[in-house]
Amino acid sequence: MAESSITIKKQTGDTRGLAFAIYARGKVLSTTGNYNEAEKDYLETITIHKEMGERLGLGMVYNKLGSLYVKMDRLKDAKETVKVGLDLSDKFNIVIIKFKCEYLLYSIYRLENNQAKALESLEKYLDQKEAVINTQTLKVIENYELINKMKDLEKEAQVQKEKAEIIAEKNRAEEAVRVRQEFLSGMSHEIRTPLNAIVTITSMMHEKAGSEERQMLNSLKYASNNLFRIVNDILYFTRLDAGTSSLETRLIKIKPFLENIAGTFEEEARKKGLKLALKMDVHLAENYEIDEIKLSQMLGNIISNAVKFTDKGKVDIEVEKLEGTIDSDKLRFKISDTGEGIPNEFIDKVFDSFSHTKPVMTRKHGGTGLGLAIVKGLVELHEGHIGVSSELGKGSEFYFDIGLKKQVEKAEKNVPVSTPLQGKTVLVAEDNELNAMVVRKLLTKWGMVSELARNGSEAIDKAKQKVYDFILMDIHMPEVNGFDATKFIRSEENMNTNTPVFALTADLTASMQKDYVQYFNGFLWKPLQIEKLFDALNSAA
């Protein structure tokens, strides 16, 4: 039928009729699965309609072509085509085409699992359908085949049901994110708080201990750091999986930073008789803007694995400048070892979550199986690339390439020998007595005078009575939490509105609270790194 109609239209010179005949053939080809030929007919129809100025027919073809692209699983093309049809219908107020295109766009977003966009298009579709009915537009185009297809659309009740399902699914997803964040916050605080006391006290005792005691303290420090890494793996993985992690960079001297990371594993390597070597490209800049915690996590997880799975030989850490501009460098961080290697069947799985190359019950090395998955996630957060090569029995080589901004550090002014923190006053808001004792002893060592507030309410009361040079604020506290206490001190009438406030917390999610982060001068994480606390106070003095 379509072919004979096309022949007749050509013979009679009926160009407009020819376009609709070719369009009809396209629909037949689409129904029978000849998608490529159907696409050619629809595109030819579009060309003729444009030449003839046929607006309604043009809108019909865009809608059909969009439906065809959905069948061909070309969702990007489908979306672009449907949007052209929508623009046309908006421009010339062709309500029926707008109505059809919105429903098709809703179907496309559903296929893409874009619930928010699907809901938006579904609501527009319902509005347009009501407008079509109210204005009796259906009667105007009743003779077109498009109206027959439109009548076959799902019943209104089904549409409303789908709308309700989308809303419910969206609410469930938001609730799941909220519950996961609450769990992460609580877990972070409960585990890292006692770790803070262990790590900090060990560091303080190490300075006064004898050689025999230092050896035991080193073992304690190694064990606590190992536990710290495991906890961090779980917490970082949860944040990456939830998509809530972001880069927080500051100017870092790259050489001592790398030397410190390598030094962390020297004792572990020495005990196994391994040679641990750090090699740095002479063309590295002196300073880079680095997220110190995340880059340490990336390097630490790979180096830890290299030492763990190497029983003899060496572990090499190399940092190479691949390319650079005036403002930034692309660096390659490479860790190679002479360990047991990775079987070929596991090479493609090493960056998967909870991946182990051996069964849990038979492998001799511990670990969560999250380390390399976290490294991959953090490399992607840096918009970088990660790779691995390995030969069974001969060793492995892991590397990642990331871009880092570089800066010339401003010349430091001469600093007096005595610390500028001498005699400064600090309000320590901390409900854990052990942690409070550790922090206050540390402050006393630096010549500072501290007062303790055992909860947020007490911190607010003390802030009203006396001016402090600094406030160290725990987040999880009874009566009033650290967020609300700091907000009050910053916002309400008291004597410490402009006092620097640092969050001293075991909750890794604390810095993600957008409603409160503006009230803090910075976030310091437990287990406490003594140097970072000193630097933070010193810079704000």
Protein backbone atom coordinates (compact mmCIF):
# COMPACT_ATOMS: atom_id res chain seq x y z
CA MET A 1 0.00 0.00 0.00
CA ALA A 2 2.68 2.49 1.03
CA GLU A 3 4.80 1.76 -2.05
CA SER A 4 1.87 2.26 -4.46
CA SER A 5 0.88 5.46 -2.68
CA ILE A 6 4.43 6.76 -3.05
CA THR A 7 4.40 5.97 -6.77
CA ILE A 8 1.08 7.77 -7.29
CA LYS A 9 2.20 10.86 -5.34
CA LYS A 10 5.37 11.09 -7.43
CA GLN A 11 3.40 10.76 -10.69
CA THR A 12 0.91 13.45 -9.70
CA GLY A 13 3.52 15.82 -8.26
CA ASP A 14 1.79 15.84 -4.86
CA THR A 15 4.89 16.67 -2.79
CA ARG A 16 3.03 17.12 0.48
CA GLY A 17 1.18 13.84 -0.01
CA LEU A 18 4.48 12.15 -0.93
CA ALA A 19 5.92 13.13 2.46
CA PHE A 20 3.04 11.47 4.31
CA ALA A 21 3.28 8.36 2.09
CA ILE A 22 7.01 7.96 2.82
CA TYR A 23 6.22 8.57 6.51
CA ALA A 24 3.64 5.73 6.37
CA ARG A 25 6.23 3.40 4.81
CA GLY A 26 8.67 4.34 7.55
CA LYS A 27 6.15 3.28 10.20
CA VAL A 28 5.67 -0.09 8.47
CA LEU A 29 9.43 -0.63 8.31
CA SER A 30 9.76 0.30 11.98
CA THR A 31 7.02 -2.17 12.95
CA THR A 32 8.66 -5.00 10.97
CA GLY A 33 12.09 -4.33 12.51
CA ASN A 34 13.78 -2.68 9.49
CA TYR A 35 15.04 0.18 11.66
CA ASN A 36 17.78 1.53 9.40
CA GLU A 37 15.42 1.80 6.39
CA ALA A 38 12.73 3.33 8.59
CA GLU A 39 15.23 5.95 9.78
CA LYS A 40 16.02 6.88 6.15
CA ASP A 41 12.29 7.34 5.39
CA TYR A 42 11.72 9.51 8.47
CA LEU A 43 14.72 11.70 7.66
CA GLU A 44 13.54 12.10 4.05
CA THR A 45 10.06 13.02 5.32
CA ILE A 46 11.59 15.67 7.61
CA THR A 47 13.43 17.21 4.66
CA ILE A 48 10.23 17.43 2.55
CA HIS A 49 8.13 18.83 5.42
CA LYS A 50 10.73 21.53 6.07
CA GLU A 51 10.68 22.52 2.38
CA MET A 52 6.85 22.60 2.33
CA GLY A 53 6.53 24.38 5.70
CA GLU A 54 4.39 21.54 7.05
CA ARG A 55 4.58 22.04 10.83
CA LEU A 56 2.20 19.41 12.22
CA GLY A 57 3.57 16.68 9.94
CA LEU A 58 7.11 17.68 10.90
CA GLY A 59 6.26 17.35 14.59
CA MET A 60 4.72 13.91 13.99
CA VAL A 61 7.88 12.65 12.26
CA TYR A 62 10.17 13.93 15.05
CA ASN A 63 8.08 12.02 17.55
CA LYS A 64 8.15 8.80 15.47
CA LEU A 65 11.89 9.15 14.83
CA GLY A 66 12.46 9.56 18.57
CA SER A 67 10.44 6.37 19.21
CA LEU A 68 12.52 4.57 16.57
CA TYR A 69 15.78 5.60 18.26
CA VAL A 70 14.47 4.22 21.55
CA LYS A 71 13.85 0.86 19.84
CA MET A 72 17.43 1.03 18.45
CA ASP A 73 18.74 1.75 21.98
CA ARG A 74 20.11 5.11 20.79
CA LEU A 75 18.81 7.02 23.79
CA LYS A 76 21.03 10.06 23.26
CA ASP A 77 19.76 10.49 19.67
CA ALA A 78 16.22 9.84 20.86
CA LYS A 79 16.44 12.54 23.50
CA GLU A 80 17.89 15.12 21.06
CA THR A 81 15.22 14.33 18.43
CA VAL A 82 12.36 14.56 20.90
CA LYS A 83 13.68 17.90 22.20
CA VAL A 84 13.67 19.25 18.61
CA GLY A 85 10.03 18.17 18.37
CA LEU A 86 9.27 19.91 21.66
CA ASP A 87 10.94 23.13 20.49
CA LEU A 88 8.87 23.02 17.29
CA SER A 89 5.63 22.42 19.19
CA ASP A 90 6.43 25.26 21.62
CA LYS A 91 7.22 27.67 18.79
CA PHE A 92 4.02 27.00 16.85
CA ASN A 93 1.81 25.93 19.80
CA ILE A 94 1.17 22.42 18.45
CA VAL A 95 -0.23 21.04 21.69
CA ILE A 96 -0.69 17.43 20.58
CA ILE A 97 2.97 17.08 19.53
CA LYS A 98 4.10 18.61 22.82
CA PHE A 99 1.84 16.14 24.63
CA LYS A 100 3.28 13.12 22.77
CA CYS A 101 6.91 14.24 23.01
CA GLU A 102 6.71 14.82 26.77
CA TYR A 103 5.46 11.26 27.28
CA LEU A 104 8.23 9.86 25.06
CA LEU A 105 10.82 11.94 26.94
CA TYR A 106 9.42 10.57 30.21
CA SER A 107 9.91 7.01 28.86
CA ILE A 108 13.51 7.76 27.84
CA TYR A 109 14.42 9.14 31.28
CA ARG A 110 12.87 6.04 32.85
CA LEU A 111 15.18 3.87 30.73
CA GLU A 112 18.15 5.99 31.89
CA ASN A 113 17.06 5.59 35.55
CA ASN A 114 16.92 9.40 35.83
CA GLN A 115 13.98 9.48 38.23
CA ALA A 116 13.97 13.24 38.81
CA LYS A 117 13.86 14.09 35.08
CA ALA A 118 11.30 11.33 34.45
CA LEU A 119 9.01 12.79 37.08
CA GLU A 120 9.40 16.29 35.61
CA SER A 121 8.46 15.09 32.08
CA LEU A 122 5.58 13.00 33.42
CA GLU A 123 4.08 16.04 35.13
CA LYS A 124 4.42 18.09 31.93
CA TYR A 125 2.76 15.26 29.99
CA LEU A 126 -0.22 15.24 32.36
CA ASP A 127 -0.56 19.03 32.10
CA GLN A 128 -0.41 18.92 28.28
CA LYS A 129 -2.91 16.06 28.10
CA GLU A 130 -5.37 18.08 30.15
CA ALA A 131 -4.76 21.10 27.92
CA VAL A 132 -5.39 18.99 24.80
CA ILE A 133 -8.69 17.74 26.16
CA ASN A 134 -9.80 21.15 27.45
CA THR A 135 -9.14 22.96 24.18
CA GLN A 136 -10.67 20.22 22.03
CA THR A 137 -7.46 20.05 20.00
CA LEU A 138 -8.04 16.33 19.51
CA LYS A 139 -11.00 17.07 17.24
CA VAL A 140 -8.87 19.17 14.91
CA ILE A 141 -6.45 16.34 14.15
CA GLU A 142 -8.90 13.48 14.49
CA ASN A 143 -8.26 12.26 10.93
CA TYR A 144 -4.54 11.70 11.50
CA GLU A 145 -3.28 8.30 12.43
CA LEU A 146 -1.34 9.83 15.32
CA ILE A 147 -4.52 10.31 17.32
CA ASN A 148 -5.26 6.57 17.13
CA LYS A 149 -1.87 5.78 18.62
CA MET A 150 -2.36 8.42 21.28
CA LYS A 151 -5.62 6.77 22.38
CA ASP A 152 -3.69 3.56 22.98
CA LEU A 153 -1.52 5.20 25.65
CA GLU A 154 -1.72 3.89 29.17
CA LYS A 155 -4.82 4.70 31.14
CA GLU A 156 -4.74 7.64 33.47
CA ALA A 157 -4.75 5.39 36.52
CA GLN A 158 -1.58 3.62 35.34
CA VAL A 159 0.14 6.94 34.71
CA GLN A 160 -0.75 8.13 38.20
CA LYS A 161 0.52 4.84 39.64
CA GLU A 162 3.86 5.26 37.87
CA LYS A 163 4.09 8.82 39.16
CA ALA A 164 3.52 7.59 42.71
CA GLU A 165 6.14 4.86 42.26
CA ILE A 166 8.73 7.39 41.08
CA ILE A 167 8.07 9.65 44.05
CA ALA A 168 8.26 6.71 46.46
CA GLU A 169 11.49 5.46 44.90
CA LYS A 170 13.02 8.94 45.12
CA ASN A 171 12.03 9.19 48.79
CA ARG A 172 13.49 5.75 49.54
CA ALA A 173 16.79 6.70 47.91
CA GLU A 174 17.03 9.93 49.91
CA GLU A 175 16.20 8.08 53.14
CA ALA A 176 18.86 5.44 52.40
CA VAL A 177 21.50 8.16 51.93
CA ARG A 178 20.44 9.81 55.21
CA VAL A 179 20.58 6.55 57.17
CA ARG A 180 23.96 5.66 55.70
CA GLN A 181 25.39 9.07 56.59
CA GLU A 182 24.10 8.78 60.17
CA PHE A 183 25.66 5.33 60.48
CA LEU A 184 28.98 6.57 59.06
CA SER A 185 28.99 9.54 61.41
CA GLY A 186 28.33 7.41 64.48
CA MET A 187 30.78 4.69 63.50
CA SER A 188 33.49 7.23 62.75
CA HIS A 189 33.07 8.88 66.14
CA GLU A 190 32.81 5.71 68.24
CA ILE A 191 35.86 3.96 66.73
CA ARG A 192 38.20 6.87 66.16
CA THR A 193 37.65 8.46 69.59
CA PRO A 194 39.45 5.72 71.59
CA LEU A 195 42.02 5.44 68.81
CA ASN A 196 42.79 9.12 69.30
CA ALA A 197 43.80 8.51 72.93
CA ILE A 198 45.95 5.48 72.02
CA VAL A 199 47.85 7.16 69.18
CA THR A 200 48.36 10.52 70.92
CA ILE A 201 49.45 9.08 74.28
CA THR A 202 51.85 6.70 72.49
CA SER A 203 53.46 9.66 70.67
CA MET A 204 53.78 11.67 73.89
CA MET A 205 55.26 8.75 75.88
CA HIS A 206 57.75 7.97 73.12
CA GLU A 207 59.63 11.21 73.79
CA LYS A 208 60.38 10.29 77.44
CA ALA A 209 60.74 6.50 77.14
CA GLY A 210 63.95 4.49 77.29
CA SER A 211 65.16 2.27 74.46
CA GLU A 212 63.35 -0.85 75.68
CA GLU A 213 60.11 1.02 76.28
CA ARG A 214 60.41 2.74 72.87
CA GLN A 215 60.56 -0.65 71.20
CA MET A 216 57.28 -1.66 72.85
CA LEU A 217 55.77 1.74 72.08
CA ASN A 218 56.81 1.34 68.43
CA SER A 219 54.96 -1.99 68.35
CA LEU A 220 51.92 -0.35 69.92
CA LYS A 221 52.13 2.52 67.45
CA TYR A 222 52.37 0.08 64.52
CA ALA A 223 49.37 -1.92 65.77
CA SER A 224 47.24 1.20 66.35
CA ASN A 225 48.22 2.65 62.95
CA ASN A 226 47.27 -0.63 61.31
CA LEU A 227 43.87 -0.52 63.03
CA PHE A 228 43.60 3.13 62.03
CA ARG A 229 44.17 2.21 58.36
CA ILE A 230 41.51 -0.51 58.49
CA VAL A 231 38.97 1.87 60.03
CA ASN A 232 39.85 4.55 57.48
CA ASP A 233 39.40 2.05 54.64
CA ILE A 234 35.83 1.32 55.74
CA LEU A 235 34.96 4.98 56.31
CA TYR A 236 36.53 6.24 53.08
CA PHE A 237 34.86 3.50 51.06
CA THR A 238 31.47 4.44 52.48
CA ARG A 239 32.01 8.12 51.62
CA LEU A 240 33.18 7.33 48.08
CA ASP A 241 30.32 4.90 47.54
CA ALA A 242 27.85 7.58 48.65
CA GLY A 243 29.47 10.17 46.35
CA THR A 244 30.03 12.57 49.26
CA SER A 245 33.81 12.84 49.09
CA SER A 246 35.58 15.93 47.73
CA LEU A 247 39.13 17.28 47.52
CA GLU A 248 40.38 19.67 50.22
CA THR A 249 43.80 20.87 49.06
CA ARG A 250 46.46 23.02 50.68
CA LEU A 251 50.03 23.95 49.80
CA ILE A 252 52.39 21.05 50.67
CA LYS A 253 56.15 20.61 50.24
CA ILE A 254 56.21 17.46 48.11
CA LYS A 255 59.64 16.12 49.18
CA PRO A 256 59.11 15.92 52.97
CA PHE A 257 55.54 14.76 52.35
CA LEU A 258 56.75 11.76 50.34
CA GLU A 259 59.63 11.08 52.71
CA ASN A 260 57.19 10.98 55.63
CA ILE A 261 54.93 8.49 53.84
CA ALA A 262 57.86 6.24 52.92
CA GLY A 263 59.19 6.51 56.48
CA THR A 264 55.88 5.19 57.81
CA PHE A 265 56.63 1.80 56.22
CA GLU A 266 60.40 1.62 56.77
CA GLU A 267 60.19 -0.28 60.06
CA GLU A 268 57.70 -2.79 58.65
CA ALA A 269 59.91 -3.34 55.58
CA ARG A 270 63.08 -3.62 57.69
CA LYS A 271 61.55 -6.35 59.87
CA LYS A 272 60.89 -8.40 56.72
CA GLY A 273 64.41 -7.77 55.39
CA LEU A 274 63.13 -5.67 52.49
CA LYS A 275 64.81 -2.67 50.93
CA LEU A 276 62.39 0.28 50.72
CA ALA A 277 63.56 3.01 48.32
CA LEU A 278 62.04 6.39 47.44
CA LYS A 279 63.01 7.95 44.10
CA MET A 280 61.86 11.46 43.18
CA ASP A 281 62.16 13.17 39.82
CA VAL A 282 64.54 16.15 40.00
CA HIS A 283 62.03 18.15 37.93
CA LEU A 284 59.32 18.04 40.61
CA ALA A 285 58.20 21.44 41.87
CA GLU A 286 58.91 22.23 45.51
CA ASN A 287 55.27 22.85 46.44
CA TYR A 288 51.96 21.44 45.19
CA GLU A 289 48.34 21.95 46.21
CA ILE A 290 47.56 18.53 47.68
CA ASP A 291 44.73 16.89 49.59
CA GLU A 292 47.19 15.48 52.08
CA ILE A 293 44.84 12.95 53.68
CA LYS A 294 43.59 11.48 50.42
CA LEU A 295 46.98 11.30 48.67
CA SER A 296 48.42 9.69 51.82
CA GLN A 297 45.58 7.16 51.70
CA MET A 298 46.24 6.42 48.02
CA LEU A 299 49.98 5.89 48.45
CA GLY A 300 49.66 4.22 51.85
CA ASN A 301 47.26 1.53 50.64
CA ILE A 302 49.45 0.56 47.67
CA ILE A 303 52.74 0.66 49.63
CA SER A 304 51.17 -1.32 52.47
CA ASN A 305 50.10 -4.03 50.01
CA ALA A 306 53.54 -4.07 48.37
CA VAL A 307 55.29 -4.64 51.72
CA LYS A 308 52.64 -7.11 52.86
CA PHE A 309 52.89 -9.34 49.77
CA THR A 310 56.69 -9.18 49.37
CA ASP A 311 58.75 -11.62 51.43
CA LYS A 312 62.16 -10.87 49.91
CA GLY A 313 63.74 -8.27 47.67
CA LYS A 314 62.57 -4.66 47.56
CA VAL A 315 59.77 -2.15 47.25
CA ASP A 316 60.41 0.95 45.12
CA ILE A 317 58.39 4.16 45.35
CA GLU A 318 58.91 6.43 42.34
CA VAL A 319 57.42 9.83 41.58
CA GLU A 320 57.91 11.12 38.03
CA LYS A 321 56.85 14.32 36.29
CA LEU A 322 55.15 13.30 33.02
CA GLU A 323 54.30 16.76 31.71
CA GLY A 324 53.70 20.24 33.01
CA THR A 325 52.60 23.81 32.45
CA ILE A 326 53.34 27.03 34.28
CA ASP A 327 50.56 26.33 36.78
CA SER A 328 50.42 22.54 37.13
CA ASP A 329 52.21 19.23 36.63
CA LYS A 330 50.98 15.77 35.75
CA LEU A 331 52.74 13.33 38.08
CA ARG A 332 53.03 9.56 38.01
CA PHE A 333 53.23 7.77 41.36
CA LYS A 334 54.57 4.24 40.85
CA ILE A 335 55.05 1.49 43.46
CA SER A 336 56.80 -1.69 42.33
CA ASP A 337 57.77 -4.77 44.33
CA THR A 338 59.44 -8.17 43.96
CA GLY A 339 56.62 -10.00 45.70
CA GLU A 340 54.39 -12.94 44.87
CA GLY A 341 52.62 -11.20 41.98
CA ILE A 342 48.98 -11.41 40.92
CA PRO A 343 47.47 -14.29 38.89
CA ASN A 344 46.22 -13.22 35.45
CA GLU A 345 42.64 -14.13 36.31
CA PHE A 346 42.65 -11.58 39.15
CA ILE A 347 44.32 -8.65 37.36
CA ASP A 348 40.99 -7.23 36.18
CA LYS A 349 39.46 -7.61 39.67
CA VAL A 350 42.13 -6.09 41.93
CA PHE A 351 40.34 -2.71 42.06
CA ASP A 352 36.94 -4.25 42.87
CA SER A 353 35.47 -3.80 46.35
CA PHE A 354 36.19 -6.64 48.82
CA SER A 355 38.48 -8.31 46.28
CA HIS A 356 41.06 -10.86 47.49
CA THR A 357 43.35 -12.99 45.34
CA LYS A 358 42.98 -15.90 47.76
CA PRO A 359 40.10 -17.26 49.88
CA VAL A 360 39.73 -15.53 53.24
CA MET A 361 40.25 -18.74 55.24
CA THR A 362 43.52 -19.74 53.51
CA ARG A 363 45.32 -16.46 52.85
CA LYS A 364 48.05 -15.51 55.32
CA HIS A 365 47.66 -11.74 54.94
CA GLY A 366 44.84 -9.74 56.53
CA GLY A 367 42.94 -6.78 55.19
CA THR A 368 39.44 -5.60 54.30
CA GLY A 369 39.79 -5.98 50.54
CA LEU A 370 38.81 -2.32 50.17
CA GLY A 371 42.24 -0.68 49.88
CA LEU A 372 42.69 -0.75 46.11
CA ALA A 373 39.01 0.01 45.48
CA ILE A 374 39.47 3.13 47.60
CA VAL A 375 42.65 4.08 45.72
CA LYS A 376 40.81 3.76 42.40
CA GLY A 377 37.93 5.90 43.71
CA LEU A 378 40.30 8.59 45.00
CA VAL A 379 42.26 8.62 41.71
CA GLU A 380 38.98 9.14 39.86
CA LEU A 381 38.14 11.94 42.31
CA HIS A 382 41.42 13.56 41.13
CA GLU A 383 40.27 12.92 37.50
CA GLY A 384 43.35 10.74 37.09
CA HIS A 385 44.22 7.28 35.76
CA ILE A 386 45.32 4.11 37.56
CA GLY A 387 46.93 0.93 36.21
CA VAL A 388 48.65 -2.28 37.23
CA SER A 389 50.96 -4.88 35.69
CA SER A 390 52.16 -8.06 37.36
CA GLU A 391 54.02 -11.31 36.78
CA LEU A 392 53.32 -14.26 39.06
CA GLY A 393 56.30 -14.98 41.28
CA LYS A 394 58.24 -11.90 40.16
CA GLY A 395 56.28 -8.94 41.49
CA SER A 396 53.79 -6.21 40.69
CA GLU A 397 53.77 -2.59 39.62
CA PHE A 398 50.94 -0.20 40.48
CA TYR A 399 50.82 3.38 39.24
CA PHE A 400 48.46 6.31 39.08
CA ASP A 401 48.69 9.61 37.19
CA ILE A 402 47.12 12.78 38.61
CA GLY A 403 47.42 16.50 37.91
CA LEU A 404 48.49 18.81 40.74
CA LYS A 405 48.57 22.58 40.83
CA LYS A 406 51.94 24.01 41.83
CA GLN A 407 52.76 27.23 43.63
CA VAL A 408 55.82 29.14 44.67
CA GLU A 409 55.74 29.35 48.44
CA LYS A 410 55.98 32.84 49.85
CA ALA A 411 59.15 33.57 51.77
CA GLU A 412 58.64 33.06 55.49
CA LYS A 413 59.33 35.86 57.92
CA ASN A 414 61.84 35.28 60.69
CA VAL A 415 59.99 33.64 63.57
CA PRO A 416 61.18 34.17 67.16
CA VAL A 417 62.59 31.12 68.90
CA SER A 418 59.84 31.12 71.53
CA THR A 419 56.51 29.74 70.35
CA PRO A 420 53.76 32.35 69.67
CA LEU A 421 51.36 30.01 71.50
CA GLN A 422 53.02 30.68 74.87
CA GLY A 423 50.43 31.97 77.37
CA LYS A 424 47.47 31.68 74.96
CA THR A 425 44.14 30.52 76.42
CA VAL A 426 42.13 27.63 74.98
CA LEU A 427 38.61 26.42 75.71
CA VAL A 428 38.53 22.65 75.16
CA ALA A 429 34.97 21.36 74.64
CA GLU A 430 35.24 17.55 75.03
CA ASP A 431 32.98 15.07 76.84
CA ASN A 432 35.49 12.18 76.75
CA GLU A 433 37.70 12.56 79.83
CA LEU A 434 40.64 10.61 78.40
CA ASN A 435 40.72 12.65 75.19
CA ALA A 436 40.32 15.87 77.15
CA MET A 437 43.27 14.94 79.37
CA VAL A 438 45.47 14.15 76.35
CA VAL A 439 44.70 17.42 74.53
CA ARG A 440 45.16 19.55 77.65
CA LYS A 441 48.54 17.95 78.44
CA LEU A 442 49.61 18.69 74.87
CA LEU A 443 48.54 22.33 75.17
CA THR A 444 50.35 22.66 78.51
CA LYS A 445 53.52 21.36 76.85
CA TRP A 446 53.29 24.32 74.43
CA GLY A 447 52.87 26.79 77.28
CA MET A 448 49.15 27.28 76.75
CA VAL A 449 46.44 27.60 79.41
CA SER A 450 43.32 25.50 78.88
CA GLU A 451 39.86 25.20 80.40
CA LEU A 452 37.49 22.27 79.96
CA ALA A 453 33.83 22.30 78.95
CA ARG A 454 32.29 18.83 79.26
CA ASN A 455 29.43 19.46 76.82
CA GLY A 456 28.17 22.02 74.32
CA SER A 457 25.94 23.78 76.82
CA GLU A 458 28.88 24.35 79.18
CA ALA A 459 30.98 25.62 76.26
CA ILE A 460 28.32 28.23 75.46
CA ASP A 461 28.17 29.37 79.10
CA LYS A 462 31.96 29.74 79.32
CA ALA A 463 32.04 31.65 76.00
CA LYS A 464 29.74 34.25 77.58
CA GLN A 465 32.00 34.80 80.59
CA LYS A 466 35.56 35.07 79.23
CA VAL A 467 37.50 35.78 76.04
CA TYR A 468 39.62 32.85 74.78
CA ASP A 469 42.36 32.87 72.16
CA PHE A 470 41.16 29.55 70.69
CA ILE A 471 38.28 27.10 71.03
CA LEU A 472 38.72 23.37 70.31
CA MET A 473 35.25 21.93 69.79
CA ASP A 474 34.29 18.25 69.79
CA ILE A 475 31.22 17.53 67.65
CA HIS A 476 29.43 14.62 69.34
CA MET A 477 28.62 15.87 72.86
CA PRO A 478 25.64 15.61 75.24
CA GLU A 479 23.06 18.37 75.85
CA VAL A 480 24.23 20.56 72.92
CA ASN A 481 26.39 19.18 70.09
CA GLY A 482 29.50 20.93 68.78
CA PHE A 483 27.75 22.20 65.64
CA ASP A 484 25.01 24.04 67.51
CA ALA A 485 27.37 25.28 70.21
CA THR A 486 29.73 26.78 67.62
CA LYS A 487 26.84 28.32 65.67
CA PHE A 488 25.63 30.00 68.87
CA ILE A 489 29.10 31.30 69.75
CA ARG A 490 29.53 32.71 66.25
CA SER A 491 26.04 34.17 65.90
CA GLU A 492 24.77 35.26 69.31
CA GLU A 493 25.93 37.96 71.72
CA ASN A 494 28.98 36.67 73.65
CA MET A 495 32.67 37.41 74.22
CA ASN A 496 34.05 34.94 71.62
CA THR A 497 32.22 35.78 68.41
CA ASN A 498 35.55 36.28 66.59
CA THR A 499 37.59 33.62 68.41
CA PRO A 500 39.10 30.96 66.08
CA VAL A 501 37.15 27.70 66.51
CA PHE A 502 38.59 24.37 65.34
CA ALA A 503 36.52 21.21 65.23
CA LEU A 504 38.47 18.42 66.95
CA THR A 505 36.46 15.37 65.99
CA ALA A 506 36.50 11.68 65.14
CA ASP A 507 33.55 12.13 62.75
CA LEU A 508 34.82 12.12 59.16
CA THR A 509 31.47 13.41 57.92
CA ALA A 510 31.62 16.58 60.03
CA SER A 511 33.13 18.77 57.30
CA MET A 512 30.26 17.77 54.96
CA GLN A 513 27.63 19.60 57.07
CA LYS A 514 27.15 22.62 54.79
CA ASP A 515 24.90 24.44 57.26
CA TYR A 516 27.66 24.53 59.90
CA VAL A 517 31.06 24.33 58.19
CA GLN A 518 31.18 28.13 57.76
CA TYR A 519 31.39 28.62 61.53
CA PHE A 520 34.69 26.73 61.91
CA ASN A 521 38.24 27.85 61.11
CA GLY A 522 39.15 24.26 60.31
CA PHE A 523 38.62 20.56 61.04
CA LEU A 524 41.20 18.42 62.88
CA TRP A 525 40.64 14.68 62.87
CA LYS A 526 41.05 12.13 65.60
CA PRO A 527 43.36 10.24 66.03
CA LEU A 528 45.01 13.59 66.51
CA GLN A 529 48.13 14.48 64.53
CA ILE A 530 50.12 16.64 66.91
CA GLU A 531 51.92 18.61 64.18
CA LYS A 532 48.65 19.53 62.48
CA LEU A 533 47.13 20.82 65.72
CA PHE A 534 50.23 22.93 66.38
CA ASP A 535 50.25 24.30 62.81
CA ALA A 536 46.52 25.14 62.95
CA LEU A 537 46.82 27.05 66.23
CA ASN A 538 50.08 28.68 65.17
CA SER A 539 48.59 29.94 61.89
CA ALA A 540 45.55 31.41 63.67
CA ALA A 541 47.56 33.01 66.51
